[in-house]
Every structure is written in C-alpha cells, then in structure tokens.
Amino acid sequence: MYSNSADPPRRPARTVPDLRRMKIAGERIASLTAYDASFARAMDVAGIDAVLVGDSLGMVVQGGANTVSVSVADMLYHSRCVAKGLQQALLIAAFLGRTRLIDNLEFKIP
C-alpha cells in the first residue's frame, strides 16, 4: 500500500484531548509504531488512533544494538515520513534517550 492510495473513510483527526477523553472513558486506544509513510498510511486507513515514531528506529531500522546512535536528524526524517502518510491518526514522536541534550529545541514537522 502506498501513501497516495485511495482516501480512507473520514473521521476527525485525533488530538491529545481525544486520547485523554478516551482514557478517562475507559475506551481502548489503538497505537502502533511506524517509521515510513506506507506503514503510517496503512495504520491510518485501519483506524489506528495514534502512530508512534520512536528512537527504537536505531535498532529496528538502522540495525544498531541500542538507541544511542539515533540523532535528532534521524527522528525528524522518520517523523516527516510518517506524517506524510497520516490524515487522522495522532503522530507521537518519542525521543527519550537523549532528551537532556535538546530540552530547549522546538520541533516543527510540516
């Protein structure tokens, strides 16, 4: 499935307040990890609520032994790729391993 496949049935785009409301109401929240537009699109079409891009890409995509080698540039690249595949799911980028290095840096993903 390519990221420009037929549009999925429309539903409102998920937001952080949506996920909070769902948690409080005891609703299930579907969340999966993606690193590219094609998988993100497939998850969006399937109705996944949130798609995560994590620094685990250092092991899963880059073949490293851990997440230490993942750079801010890597995270931005994969987050942009995933964002291109999403229309409705909430994108969550989690870069936990080295956050102390980037406390004051603001990310903007087009």
C-alpha atoms as a PDB file:
ATOM      1  CA  MET A   1       0.000   0.000   0.000  1.00  0.00           C
ATOM      2  CA  TYR A   2       1.385   3.371  -0.986  1.00  0.00           C
ATOM      3  CA  SER A   3       0.835   6.615   0.820  1.00  0.00           C
ATOM      4  CA  ASN A   4      -1.194   8.049  -2.055  1.00  0.00           C
ATOM      5  CA  SER A   5      -3.737   5.193  -2.065  1.00  0.00           C
ATOM      6  CA  ALA A   6      -7.471   5.870  -2.019  1.00  0.00           C
ATOM      7  CA  ASP A   7      -8.629   8.023   0.850  1.00  0.00           C
ATOM      8  CA  PRO A   8      -9.837   6.158   3.945  1.00  0.00           C
ATOM      9  CA  PRO A   9     -13.277   6.858   5.369  1.00  0.00           C
ATOM     10  CA  ARG A  10     -13.088  10.270   7.013  1.00  0.00           C
ATOM     11  CA  ARG A  11     -13.134  10.636  10.763  1.00  0.00           C
ATOM     12  CA  PRO A  12     -11.964  13.591  12.804  1.00  0.00           C
ATOM     13  CA  ALA A  13      -8.212  13.773  13.275  1.00  0.00           C
ATOM     14  CA  ARG A  14      -7.191  12.518  16.710  1.00  0.00           C
ATOM     15  CA  THR A  15      -5.836  15.000  19.240  1.00  0.00           C
ATOM     16  CA  VAL A  16      -4.217  14.708  22.655  1.00  0.00           C
ATOM     17  CA  PRO A  17      -7.508  15.760  24.341  1.00  0.00           C
ATOM     18  CA  ASP A  18      -9.235  12.955  22.392  1.00  0.00           C
ATOM     19  CA  LEU A  19      -6.822  10.390  23.816  1.00  0.00           C
ATOM     20  CA  ARG A  20      -7.276  11.803  27.325  1.00  0.00           C
ATOM     21  CA  ARG A  21     -11.067  11.602  26.963  1.00  0.00           C
ATOM     22  CA  MET A  22     -10.812   8.035  25.667  1.00  0.00           C
ATOM     23  CA  LYS A  23      -8.620   7.012  28.616  1.00  0.00           C
ATOM     24  CA  ILE A  24     -10.977   8.570  31.159  1.00  0.00           C
ATOM     25  CA  ALA A  25     -13.955   6.867  29.494  1.00  0.00           C
ATOM     26  CA  GLY A  26     -12.156   3.524  29.571  1.00  0.00           C
ATOM     27  CA  GLU A  27     -12.106   3.291  25.775  1.00  0.00           C
ATOM     28  CA  ARG A  28      -9.369   1.336  24.096  1.00  0.00           C
ATOM     29  CA  ILE A  29      -6.682   3.354  22.352  1.00  0.00           C
ATOM     30  CA  ALA A  30      -5.008   1.707  19.374  1.00  0.00           C
ATOM     31  CA  SER A  31      -1.390   2.761  18.923  1.00  0.00           C
ATOM     32  CA  LEU A  32       1.331   1.281  16.711  1.00  0.00           C
ATOM     33  CA  THR A  33       4.852   2.238  15.660  1.00  0.00           C
ATOM     34  CA  ALA A  34       5.791   3.259  12.110  1.00  0.00           C
ATOM     35  CA  TYR A  35       8.926   4.647  10.511  1.00  0.00           C
ATOM     36  CA  ASP A  36       7.695   5.423   6.969  1.00  0.00           C
ATOM     37  CA  ALA A  37       4.740   6.818   5.039  1.00  0.00           C
ATOM     38  CA  SER A  38       3.472   3.496   3.657  1.00  0.00           C
ATOM     39  CA  PHE A  39       3.074   1.822   7.036  1.00  0.00           C
ATOM     40  CA  ALA A  40       1.669   5.024   8.524  1.00  0.00           C
ATOM     41  CA  ARG A  41      -0.925   5.194   5.749  1.00  0.00           C
ATOM     42  CA  ALA A  42      -1.943   1.577   6.305  1.00  0.00           C
ATOM     43  CA  MET A  43      -2.359   2.261  10.021  1.00  0.00           C
ATOM     44  CA  ASP A  44      -4.379   5.404   9.313  1.00  0.00           C
ATOM     45  CA  VAL A  45      -6.696   3.515   6.955  1.00  0.00           C
ATOM     46  CA  ALA A  46      -7.113   0.790   9.596  1.00  0.00           C
ATOM     47  CA  GLY A  47      -8.337   3.367  12.126  1.00  0.00           C
ATOM     48  CA  ILE A  48      -5.344   3.397  14.468  1.00  0.00           C
ATOM     49  CA  ASP A  49      -5.710   6.274  16.956  1.00  0.00           C
ATOM     50  CA  ALA A  50      -2.026   7.167  17.411  1.00  0.00           C
ATOM     51  CA  VAL A  51       1.128   6.334  15.473  1.00  0.00           C
ATOM     52  CA  LEU A  52       4.455   6.466  17.294  1.00  0.00           C
ATOM     53  CA  VAL A  53       7.859   7.237  15.830  1.00  0.00           C
ATOM     54  CA  GLY A  54      10.367   6.226  18.465  1.00  0.00           C
ATOM     55  CA  ASP A  55      14.107   6.226  18.840  1.00  0.00           C
ATOM     56  CA  SER A  56      13.746   2.443  18.647  1.00  0.00           C
ATOM     57  CA  LEU A  57      14.341   3.073  14.940  1.00  0.00           C
ATOM     58  CA  GLY A  58      18.013   2.831  15.886  1.00  0.00           C
ATOM     59  CA  MET A  59      17.548  -0.900  16.380  1.00  0.00           C
ATOM     60  CA  VAL A  60      14.595  -1.667  14.088  1.00  0.00           C
ATOM     61  CA  VAL A  61      15.586   0.347  11.011  1.00  0.00           C
ATOM     62  CA  GLN A  62      19.284   1.119  11.457  1.00  0.00           C
ATOM     63  CA  GLY A  63      20.283  -2.258  12.912  1.00  0.00           C
ATOM     64  CA  GLY A  64      22.017  -0.851  15.970  1.00  0.00           C
ATOM     65  CA  ALA A  65      22.371  -2.594  19.309  1.00  0.00           C
ATOM     66  CA  ASN A  66      20.574   0.268  21.105  1.00  0.00           C
ATOM     67  CA  THR A  67      19.088   3.725  20.550  1.00  0.00           C
ATOM     68  CA  VAL A  68      22.178   5.763  21.465  1.00  0.00           C
ATOM     69  CA  SER A  69      23.217   6.438  17.857  1.00  0.00           C
ATOM     70  CA  VAL A  70      19.833   7.908  16.844  1.00  0.00           C
ATOM     71  CA  SER A  71      20.177  11.592  16.037  1.00  0.00           C
ATOM     72  CA  VAL A  72      17.688  14.445  16.055  1.00  0.00           C
ATOM     73  CA  ALA A  73      18.015  14.457  12.262  1.00  0.00           C
ATOM     74  CA  ASP A  74      17.032  10.748  12.158  1.00  0.00           C
ATOM     75  CA  MET A  75      13.971  11.421  14.288  1.00  0.00           C
ATOM     76  CA  LEU A  76      12.922  14.387  12.183  1.00  0.00           C
ATOM     77  CA  TYR A  77      13.389  12.459   8.939  1.00  0.00           C
ATOM     78  CA  HIS A  78      11.273   9.499  10.046  1.00  0.00           C
ATOM     79  CA  SER A  79       8.669  11.734  11.712  1.00  0.00           C
ATOM     80  CA  ARG A  80       8.268  13.657   8.458  1.00  0.00           C
ATOM     81  CA  CYS A  81       7.919  10.403   6.519  1.00  0.00           C
ATOM     82  CA  VAL A  82       5.226   9.136   8.877  1.00  0.00           C
ATOM     83  CA  ALA A  83       3.423  12.498   8.888  1.00  0.00           C
ATOM     84  CA  LYS A  84       3.053  12.278   5.111  1.00  0.00           C
ATOM     85  CA  GLY A  85       1.123   9.021   5.500  1.00  0.00           C
ATOM     86  CA  LEU A  86      -1.276  10.235   8.186  1.00  0.00           C
ATOM     87  CA  GLN A  87      -4.527  12.134   7.856  1.00  0.00           C
ATOM     88  CA  GLN A  88      -6.394  11.153  11.006  1.00  0.00           C
ATOM     89  CA  ALA A  89      -4.153   9.363  13.495  1.00  0.00           C
ATOM     90  CA  LEU A  90      -2.202  11.403  16.035  1.00  0.00           C
ATOM     91  CA  LEU A  91       1.549  11.405  15.399  1.00  0.00           C
ATOM     92  CA  ILE A  92       3.669  10.931  18.509  1.00  0.00           C
ATOM     93  CA  ALA A  93       7.447  11.273  18.206  1.00  0.00           C
ATOM     94  CA  ALA A  94       9.267   9.889  21.248  1.00  0.00           C
ATOM     95  CA  PHE A  95      12.974  10.610  21.517  1.00  0.00           C
ATOM     96  CA  LEU A  96      13.609   9.651  25.117  1.00  0.00           C
ATOM     97  CA  GLY A  97      17.208   8.531  25.132  1.00  0.00           C
ATOM     98  CA  ARG A  98      18.829  11.916  24.625  1.00  0.00           C
ATOM     99  CA  THR A  99      16.203  14.457  25.661  1.00  0.00           C
ATOM    100  CA  ARG A 100      18.606  16.118  28.078  1.00  0.00           C
ATOM    101  CA  LEU A 101      20.547  17.345  25.024  1.00  0.00           C
ATOM    102  CA  ILE A 102      17.572  19.006  23.367  1.00  0.00           C
ATOM    103  CA  ASP A 103      15.476  20.453  26.207  1.00  0.00           C
ATOM    104  CA  ASN A 104      15.155  23.895  24.615  1.00  0.00           C
ATOM    105  CA  LEU A 105      14.788  22.797  20.984  1.00  0.00           C
ATOM    106  CA  GLU A 106      11.341  23.073  19.413  1.00  0.00           C
ATOM    107  CA  PHE A 107      10.418  20.633  16.655  1.00  0.00           C
ATOM    108  CA  LYS A 108       8.097  21.595  13.838  1.00  0.00           C
ATOM    109  CA  ILE A 109       7.116  18.820  11.482  1.00  0.00           C
ATOM    110  CA  PRO A 110       5.438  20.010   8.279  1.00  0.00           C
END
